[in-house]
Amino acid sequence: MVFLGSAALQAQNKAATPEPAPASPAPSGPAVTSLREVKKLYVEAMPNELDKYIRAEIVAKMPNRLVIVTHKEDADAIMTGTSGTKAATVNKNLSTATVTITDNRGSVVLWTAEESERAMPGWSKMAGGQKRIAEKLVDKLKDSTK
């Protein structure tokens, strides 16, 4: 039988206890209070790759107005969203999406929009459906920042 001293036991227990994960970095700048103040936007992942189409539309339609950043802590604001499909009629579906932009701390809603598009069944998962919805959402965003 082996007896370990108090210091040896503490060292052994410390080695077996995993270190807590580091906290995510705090946003780098002060929180913005209006959509017009936003210069750098982080777009979170969204269903049906809607985020990919929104990023592309912002880059194409608002190049001198917004910069898309790849790290949340570098952003002035964060865009989140949902996307889905619901039956509208027997042969057509309604593809819908809702997006929200908040300050970089997620505490103040700066802008929100919803868009829908009539589609054939399965269309919302195709690039055309999500691309068209992204175009409409970014057009609304552009109008709101004038």
N, C-alpha and C. Protein backbone atom coordinates (compact mmCIF):
# COMPACT_ATOMS: atom_id res chain seq x y z
N MET A 1 0.84 -1.16 0.00
CA MET A 1 0.00 0.00 0.00
C MET A 1 0.90 1.24 0.00
N VAL A 2 0.54 2.24 -0.82
CA VAL A 2 1.34 3.45 -0.95
C VAL A 2 0.53 4.61 -0.38
N PHE A 3 1.15 5.40 0.48
CA PHE A 3 0.51 6.57 1.04
C PHE A 3 1.13 7.80 0.41
N LEU A 4 0.26 8.68 -0.02
CA LEU A 4 0.74 9.91 -0.63
C LEU A 4 0.53 11.05 0.37
N GLY A 5 1.46 11.96 0.40
CA GLY A 5 1.32 13.13 1.25
C GLY A 5 0.26 14.07 0.70
N SER A 6 -0.14 15.04 1.47
CA SER A 6 -1.18 15.99 1.10
C SER A 6 -0.82 16.73 -0.20
N ALA A 7 0.41 17.18 -0.34
CA ALA A 7 0.84 17.91 -1.53
C ALA A 7 0.79 17.01 -2.76
N ALA A 8 1.18 15.75 -2.60
CA ALA A 8 1.17 14.81 -3.72
C ALA A 8 -0.27 14.52 -4.15
N LEU A 9 -1.18 14.38 -3.19
CA LEU A 9 -2.59 14.15 -3.52
C LEU A 9 -3.19 15.35 -4.26
N GLN A 10 -2.88 16.55 -3.81
CA GLN A 10 -3.39 17.75 -4.47
C GLN A 10 -2.87 17.85 -5.89
N ALA A 11 -1.61 17.55 -6.11
CA ALA A 11 -1.02 17.59 -7.44
C ALA A 11 -1.67 16.55 -8.34
N GLN A 12 -1.92 15.35 -7.78
CA GLN A 12 -2.54 14.29 -8.56
C GLN A 12 -3.98 14.66 -8.93
N ASN A 13 -4.74 15.23 -7.98
CA ASN A 13 -6.12 15.64 -8.25
C ASN A 13 -6.18 16.78 -9.26
N LYS A 14 -5.23 17.72 -9.16
CA LYS A 14 -5.20 18.85 -10.09
C LYS A 14 -4.93 18.36 -11.51
N ALA A 15 -4.04 17.40 -11.67
CA ALA A 15 -3.71 16.86 -12.98
C ALA A 15 -4.91 16.14 -13.58
N ALA A 16 -5.75 15.52 -12.76
CA ALA A 16 -6.90 14.78 -13.25
C ALA A 16 -8.09 15.69 -13.55
N THR A 17 -8.10 16.90 -13.00
CA THR A 17 -9.21 17.83 -13.22
C THR A 17 -8.93 18.68 -14.45
N PRO A 18 -9.82 18.62 -15.46
CA PRO A 18 -9.57 19.43 -16.66
C PRO A 18 -9.75 20.91 -16.38
N GLU A 19 -8.97 21.71 -17.08
CA GLU A 19 -9.08 23.15 -16.95
C GLU A 19 -10.36 23.62 -17.64
N PRO A 20 -11.06 24.62 -17.11
CA PRO A 20 -12.26 25.12 -17.79
C PRO A 20 -11.89 25.77 -19.12
N ALA A 21 -12.79 25.65 -20.07
CA ALA A 21 -12.55 26.25 -21.39
C ALA A 21 -12.50 27.77 -21.24
N PRO A 22 -11.62 28.42 -22.00
CA PRO A 22 -11.54 29.88 -21.91
C PRO A 22 -12.84 30.50 -22.43
N ALA A 23 -13.23 31.59 -21.81
CA ALA A 23 -14.44 32.29 -22.24
C ALA A 23 -14.21 32.89 -23.61
N SER A 24 -15.28 33.01 -24.40
CA SER A 24 -15.13 33.63 -25.72
C SER A 24 -14.76 35.10 -25.52
N PRO A 25 -13.94 35.61 -26.43
CA PRO A 25 -13.49 37.00 -26.29
C PRO A 25 -14.67 37.97 -26.30
N ALA A 26 -14.53 39.02 -25.53
CA ALA A 26 -15.56 40.06 -25.50
C ALA A 26 -15.52 40.85 -26.79
N PRO A 27 -16.64 41.42 -27.20
CA PRO A 27 -16.63 42.27 -28.38
C PRO A 27 -15.59 43.38 -28.23
N SER A 28 -14.95 43.73 -29.35
CA SER A 28 -13.83 44.67 -29.27
C SER A 28 -14.23 46.12 -29.11
N GLY A 29 -15.39 46.52 -29.59
CA GLY A 29 -15.76 47.92 -29.54
C GLY A 29 -16.99 48.16 -28.70
N PRO A 30 -17.36 49.42 -28.57
CA PRO A 30 -18.57 49.74 -27.81
C PRO A 30 -19.80 49.26 -28.57
N ALA A 31 -20.86 49.00 -27.85
CA ALA A 31 -22.11 48.56 -28.48
C ALA A 31 -22.71 49.70 -29.30
N VAL A 32 -23.19 49.36 -30.50
CA VAL A 32 -23.85 50.35 -31.33
C VAL A 32 -25.30 50.47 -30.87
N THR A 33 -25.91 51.60 -31.14
CA THR A 33 -27.29 51.82 -30.70
C THR A 33 -28.27 52.00 -31.85
N SER A 34 -27.76 52.05 -33.09
CA SER A 34 -28.65 52.16 -34.24
C SER A 34 -28.03 51.41 -35.42
N LEU A 35 -28.88 51.03 -36.35
CA LEU A 35 -28.43 50.31 -37.54
C LEU A 35 -27.44 51.14 -38.36
N ARG A 36 -27.62 52.43 -38.38
CA ARG A 36 -26.73 53.30 -39.17
C ARG A 36 -25.30 53.32 -38.64
N GLU A 37 -25.12 52.99 -37.38
CA GLU A 37 -23.77 52.96 -36.80
C GLU A 37 -23.00 51.70 -37.16
N VAL A 38 -23.69 50.67 -37.64
CA VAL A 38 -23.06 49.38 -37.92
C VAL A 38 -22.18 49.49 -39.16
N LYS A 39 -20.92 49.12 -39.00
CA LYS A 39 -19.96 49.10 -40.11
C LYS A 39 -19.48 47.67 -40.39
N LYS A 40 -19.36 46.87 -39.32
CA LYS A 40 -18.86 45.49 -39.44
C LYS A 40 -19.94 44.54 -38.92
N LEU A 41 -20.34 43.60 -39.77
CA LEU A 41 -21.44 42.69 -39.45
C LEU A 41 -20.97 41.24 -39.47
N TYR A 42 -21.34 40.50 -38.44
CA TYR A 42 -21.10 39.06 -38.39
C TYR A 42 -22.42 38.37 -38.68
N VAL A 43 -22.44 37.44 -39.64
CA VAL A 43 -23.65 36.70 -40.01
C VAL A 43 -23.51 35.27 -39.50
N GLU A 44 -24.35 34.90 -38.54
CA GLU A 44 -24.30 33.54 -37.99
C GLU A 44 -24.85 32.53 -38.99
N ALA A 45 -24.47 31.26 -38.82
CA ALA A 45 -24.97 30.19 -39.67
C ALA A 45 -26.49 30.10 -39.55
N MET A 46 -27.15 29.86 -40.69
CA MET A 46 -28.61 29.77 -40.74
C MET A 46 -29.02 28.51 -41.50
N PRO A 47 -30.25 28.04 -41.27
CA PRO A 47 -30.71 26.85 -41.99
C PRO A 47 -30.71 27.06 -43.50
N ASN A 48 -30.56 25.95 -44.23
CA ASN A 48 -30.60 25.94 -45.69
C ASN A 48 -29.57 26.86 -46.34
N GLU A 49 -28.48 27.12 -45.62
CA GLU A 49 -27.37 27.96 -46.11
C GLU A 49 -27.80 29.38 -46.47
N LEU A 50 -28.87 29.85 -45.85
CA LEU A 50 -29.33 31.22 -46.11
C LEU A 50 -28.23 32.23 -45.80
N ASP A 51 -27.44 31.99 -44.76
CA ASP A 51 -26.36 32.90 -44.38
C ASP A 51 -25.37 33.12 -45.52
N LYS A 52 -25.07 32.07 -46.26
CA LYS A 52 -24.12 32.17 -47.38
C LYS A 52 -24.65 33.14 -48.44
N TYR A 53 -25.93 33.05 -48.74
CA TYR A 53 -26.52 33.92 -49.76
C TYR A 53 -26.66 35.36 -49.24
N ILE A 54 -26.95 35.51 -47.97
CA ILE A 54 -27.04 36.86 -47.40
C ILE A 54 -25.67 37.54 -47.44
N ARG A 55 -24.62 36.82 -47.05
CA ARG A 55 -23.27 37.39 -47.11
C ARG A 55 -22.94 37.85 -48.52
N ALA A 56 -23.21 36.99 -49.51
CA ALA A 56 -22.89 37.32 -50.90
C ALA A 56 -23.68 38.55 -51.37
N GLU A 57 -24.94 38.64 -50.99
CA GLU A 57 -25.76 39.79 -51.38
C GLU A 57 -25.27 41.08 -50.72
N ILE A 58 -24.88 41.02 -49.45
CA ILE A 58 -24.37 42.21 -48.77
C ILE A 58 -23.09 42.69 -49.44
N VAL A 59 -22.20 41.77 -49.75
CA VAL A 59 -20.95 42.13 -50.41
C VAL A 59 -21.23 42.76 -51.77
N ALA A 60 -22.20 42.22 -52.51
CA ALA A 60 -22.51 42.73 -53.85
C ALA A 60 -23.27 44.06 -53.82
N LYS A 61 -24.22 44.19 -52.90
CA LYS A 61 -25.11 45.36 -52.92
C LYS A 61 -24.73 46.47 -51.95
N MET A 62 -23.87 46.18 -50.97
CA MET A 62 -23.53 47.19 -49.96
C MET A 62 -22.02 47.24 -49.71
N PRO A 63 -21.20 47.24 -50.77
CA PRO A 63 -19.75 47.14 -50.55
C PRO A 63 -19.13 48.31 -49.79
N ASN A 64 -19.68 49.49 -49.92
CA ASN A 64 -19.12 50.66 -49.22
C ASN A 64 -19.85 50.95 -47.92
N ARG A 65 -20.82 50.12 -47.59
CA ARG A 65 -21.63 50.38 -46.40
C ARG A 65 -21.34 49.40 -45.26
N LEU A 66 -21.23 48.10 -45.58
CA LEU A 66 -20.99 47.08 -44.56
C LEU A 66 -19.83 46.19 -44.94
N VAL A 67 -19.08 45.78 -43.93
CA VAL A 67 -18.02 44.79 -44.10
C VAL A 67 -18.47 43.55 -43.35
N ILE A 68 -18.40 42.39 -44.00
CA ILE A 68 -18.72 41.13 -43.35
C ILE A 68 -17.45 40.63 -42.66
N VAL A 69 -17.54 40.37 -41.35
CA VAL A 69 -16.39 39.87 -40.61
C VAL A 69 -16.60 38.39 -40.29
N THR A 70 -15.50 37.68 -40.13
CA THR A 70 -15.57 36.23 -39.90
C THR A 70 -15.50 35.84 -38.43
N HIS A 71 -15.24 36.80 -37.56
CA HIS A 71 -15.19 36.53 -36.12
C HIS A 71 -16.17 37.45 -35.40
N LYS A 72 -17.00 36.85 -34.59
CA LYS A 72 -18.05 37.59 -33.88
C LYS A 72 -17.48 38.74 -33.05
N GLU A 73 -16.33 38.53 -32.43
CA GLU A 73 -15.76 39.57 -31.57
C GLU A 73 -15.27 40.80 -32.33
N ASP A 74 -15.14 40.69 -33.66
CA ASP A 74 -14.73 41.84 -34.48
C ASP A 74 -15.91 42.67 -34.98
N ALA A 75 -17.12 42.21 -34.72
CA ALA A 75 -18.31 42.84 -35.31
C ALA A 75 -18.90 43.95 -34.44
N ASP A 76 -19.53 44.91 -35.12
CA ASP A 76 -20.34 45.92 -34.44
C ASP A 76 -21.72 45.35 -34.13
N ALA A 77 -22.17 44.41 -35.02
CA ALA A 77 -23.50 43.84 -34.88
C ALA A 77 -23.49 42.40 -35.38
N ILE A 78 -24.52 41.65 -34.98
CA ILE A 78 -24.63 40.23 -35.32
C ILE A 78 -25.98 39.98 -35.96
N MET A 79 -25.96 39.27 -37.10
CA MET A 79 -27.21 38.88 -37.76
C MET A 79 -27.47 37.41 -37.48
N THR A 80 -28.68 37.11 -37.01
CA THR A 80 -29.13 35.74 -36.81
C THR A 80 -30.38 35.54 -37.65
N GLY A 81 -30.75 34.30 -37.90
CA GLY A 81 -31.95 34.09 -38.69
C GLY A 81 -32.44 32.66 -38.71
N THR A 82 -33.66 32.53 -39.21
CA THR A 82 -34.28 31.22 -39.41
C THR A 82 -34.79 31.15 -40.83
N SER A 83 -34.97 29.94 -41.31
CA SER A 83 -35.45 29.73 -42.66
C SER A 83 -36.24 28.43 -42.68
N GLY A 84 -37.33 28.42 -43.44
CA GLY A 84 -38.12 27.20 -43.50
C GLY A 84 -39.13 27.23 -44.63
N THR A 85 -39.94 26.20 -44.67
CA THR A 85 -40.97 26.06 -45.69
C THR A 85 -42.26 25.62 -45.05
N LYS A 86 -43.35 26.17 -45.51
CA LYS A 86 -44.66 25.70 -45.05
C LYS A 86 -45.57 25.58 -46.27
N ALA A 87 -46.53 24.67 -46.19
CA ALA A 87 -47.45 24.44 -47.30
C ALA A 87 -48.39 25.62 -47.44
N ALA A 88 -48.48 26.15 -48.66
CA ALA A 88 -49.38 27.26 -48.94
C ALA A 88 -50.63 26.74 -49.67
N THR A 89 -50.41 25.89 -50.66
CA THR A 89 -51.51 25.25 -51.39
C THR A 89 -51.09 23.82 -51.66
N VAL A 90 -51.93 23.09 -52.38
CA VAL A 90 -51.63 21.68 -52.65
C VAL A 90 -50.32 21.51 -53.40
N ASN A 91 -50.07 22.32 -54.40
CA ASN A 91 -48.86 22.15 -55.22
C ASN A 91 -47.78 23.19 -54.98
N LYS A 92 -47.99 24.10 -54.06
CA LYS A 92 -46.98 25.14 -53.82
C LYS A 92 -46.70 25.27 -52.33
N ASN A 93 -45.47 25.60 -52.05
CA ASN A 93 -45.03 25.87 -50.68
C ASN A 93 -44.68 27.33 -50.55
N LEU A 94 -44.56 27.77 -49.32
CA LEU A 94 -44.14 29.13 -49.04
C LEU A 94 -42.81 29.04 -48.30
N SER A 95 -41.74 29.50 -48.94
CA SER A 95 -40.44 29.55 -48.29
C SER A 95 -40.37 30.84 -47.50
N THR A 96 -39.96 30.76 -46.24
CA THR A 96 -39.91 31.94 -45.40
C THR A 96 -38.56 32.06 -44.71
N ALA A 97 -38.23 33.28 -44.34
CA ALA A 97 -37.01 33.54 -43.58
C ALA A 97 -37.24 34.78 -42.72
N THR A 98 -36.66 34.76 -41.55
CA THR A 98 -36.67 35.91 -40.65
C THR A 98 -35.25 36.14 -40.19
N VAL A 99 -34.79 37.38 -40.26
CA VAL A 99 -33.45 37.72 -39.77
C VAL A 99 -33.55 38.88 -38.79
N THR A 100 -32.61 38.89 -37.87
CA THR A 100 -32.54 39.94 -36.86
C THR A 100 -31.10 40.39 -36.73
N ILE A 101 -30.89 41.69 -36.61
CA ILE A 101 -29.56 42.24 -36.34
C ILE A 101 -29.61 42.85 -34.95
N THR A 102 -28.66 42.42 -34.11
CA THR A 102 -28.54 42.97 -32.76
C THR A 102 -27.17 43.63 -32.61
N ASP A 103 -27.00 44.39 -31.54
CA ASP A 103 -25.68 44.94 -31.26
C ASP A 103 -24.72 43.77 -30.99
N ASN A 104 -23.44 44.04 -30.88
CA ASN A 104 -22.45 42.97 -30.74
C ASN A 104 -22.54 42.21 -29.41
N ARG A 105 -23.33 42.66 -28.50
CA ARG A 105 -23.54 41.95 -27.24
C ARG A 105 -24.84 41.15 -27.26
N GLY A 106 -25.64 41.34 -28.31
CA GLY A 106 -26.90 40.63 -28.43
C GLY A 106 -27.99 41.15 -27.53
N SER A 107 -27.83 42.36 -27.03
CA SER A 107 -28.79 42.89 -26.06
C SER A 107 -29.78 43.89 -26.64
N VAL A 108 -29.48 44.48 -27.80
CA VAL A 108 -30.37 45.48 -28.40
C VAL A 108 -30.69 45.06 -29.83
N VAL A 109 -31.96 44.91 -30.15
CA VAL A 109 -32.38 44.60 -31.51
C VAL A 109 -32.33 45.89 -32.31
N LEU A 110 -31.54 45.88 -33.40
CA LEU A 110 -31.38 47.06 -34.24
C LEU A 110 -32.27 47.00 -35.48
N TRP A 111 -32.58 45.78 -35.94
CA TRP A 111 -33.36 45.63 -37.17
C TRP A 111 -33.84 44.19 -37.27
N THR A 112 -35.01 44.01 -37.83
CA THR A 112 -35.52 42.67 -38.09
C THR A 112 -36.38 42.71 -39.35
N ALA A 113 -36.38 41.62 -40.08
CA ALA A 113 -37.17 41.56 -41.31
C ALA A 113 -37.58 40.12 -41.57
N GLU A 114 -38.70 39.99 -42.27
CA GLU A 114 -39.19 38.68 -42.67
C GLU A 114 -39.47 38.73 -44.17
N GLU A 115 -39.22 37.63 -44.83
CA GLU A 115 -39.46 37.57 -46.27
C GLU A 115 -39.98 36.18 -46.61
N SER A 116 -40.81 36.12 -47.64
CA SER A 116 -41.32 34.84 -48.10
C SER A 116 -41.38 34.83 -49.62
N GLU A 117 -41.46 33.63 -50.15
CA GLU A 117 -41.46 33.44 -51.60
C GLU A 117 -42.26 32.18 -51.90
N ARG A 118 -43.21 32.27 -52.81
CA ARG A 118 -43.94 31.07 -53.23
C ARG A 118 -42.99 30.17 -53.99
N ALA A 119 -43.15 28.87 -53.77
CA ALA A 119 -42.21 27.94 -54.38
C ALA A 119 -42.86 26.59 -54.61
N MET A 120 -42.29 25.85 -55.53
CA MET A 120 -42.69 24.47 -55.73
C MET A 120 -42.14 23.66 -54.57
N PRO A 121 -42.75 22.52 -54.23
CA PRO A 121 -42.23 21.70 -53.12
C PRO A 121 -40.74 21.39 -53.29
N GLY A 122 -39.99 21.53 -52.20
CA GLY A 122 -38.55 21.27 -52.20
C GLY A 122 -37.70 22.44 -52.67
N TRP A 123 -38.32 23.52 -53.15
CA TRP A 123 -37.59 24.64 -53.71
C TRP A 123 -36.75 25.39 -52.69
N SER A 124 -37.23 25.47 -51.43
CA SER A 124 -36.49 26.25 -50.43
C SER A 124 -35.10 25.69 -50.18
N LYS A 125 -34.91 24.41 -50.42
CA LYS A 125 -33.60 23.81 -50.20
C LYS A 125 -32.69 23.99 -51.41
N MET A 126 -33.25 24.48 -52.51
CA MET A 126 -32.45 24.72 -53.71
C MET A 126 -31.85 26.11 -53.63
N ALA A 127 -30.75 26.30 -54.31
CA ALA A 127 -30.05 27.58 -54.27
C ALA A 127 -30.94 28.73 -54.71
N GLY A 128 -31.78 28.53 -55.72
CA GLY A 128 -32.62 29.61 -56.23
C GLY A 128 -33.55 30.18 -55.18
N GLY A 129 -34.16 29.32 -54.37
CA GLY A 129 -35.09 29.78 -53.35
C GLY A 129 -34.43 30.61 -52.28
N GLN A 130 -33.35 30.13 -51.73
CA GLN A 130 -32.65 30.85 -50.68
C GLN A 130 -31.99 32.12 -51.23
N LYS A 131 -31.50 32.04 -52.45
CA LYS A 131 -30.86 33.21 -53.06
C LYS A 131 -31.88 34.33 -53.25
N ARG A 132 -33.06 33.99 -53.73
CA ARG A 132 -34.10 35.01 -53.96
C ARG A 132 -34.54 35.65 -52.64
N ILE A 133 -34.69 34.83 -51.61
CA ILE A 133 -35.07 35.38 -50.29
C ILE A 133 -33.95 36.27 -49.76
N ALA A 134 -32.70 35.85 -49.91
CA ALA A 134 -31.56 36.67 -49.46
C ALA A 134 -31.53 38.01 -50.20
N GLU A 135 -31.81 37.99 -51.51
CA GLU A 135 -31.84 39.24 -52.29
C GLU A 135 -32.87 40.21 -51.71
N LYS A 136 -34.07 39.69 -51.43
CA LYS A 136 -35.13 40.54 -50.89
C LYS A 136 -34.78 41.08 -49.50
N LEU A 137 -34.20 40.22 -48.64
CA LEU A 137 -33.82 40.66 -47.29
C LEU A 137 -32.75 41.75 -47.34
N VAL A 138 -31.75 41.56 -48.19
CA VAL A 138 -30.67 42.56 -48.27
C VAL A 138 -31.17 43.85 -48.90
N ASP A 139 -32.11 43.76 -49.82
CA ASP A 139 -32.72 44.99 -50.36
C ASP A 139 -33.41 45.77 -49.23
N LYS A 140 -34.12 45.07 -48.36
CA LYS A 140 -34.78 45.72 -47.22
C LYS A 140 -33.73 46.32 -46.27
N LEU A 141 -32.66 45.58 -46.03
CA LEU A 141 -31.58 46.07 -45.16
C LEU A 141 -30.95 47.33 -45.76
N LYS A 142 -30.69 47.31 -47.05
CA LYS A 142 -30.09 48.47 -47.71
C LYS A 142 -31.00 49.69 -47.60
N ASP A 143 -32.30 49.50 -47.82
CA ASP A 143 -33.25 50.60 -47.69
C ASP A 143 -33.29 51.15 -46.26
N SER A 144 -33.11 50.28 -45.29
CA SER A 144 -33.17 50.70 -43.88
C SER A 144 -31.93 51.46 -43.42
N THR A 145 -30.85 51.34 -44.17
CA THR A 145 -29.61 52.01 -43.75
C THR A 145 -29.37 53.33 -44.48
N LYS A 146 -30.31 53.74 -45.33
CA LYS A 146 -30.16 55.00 -46.07
C LYS A 146 -30.38 56.19 -45.16
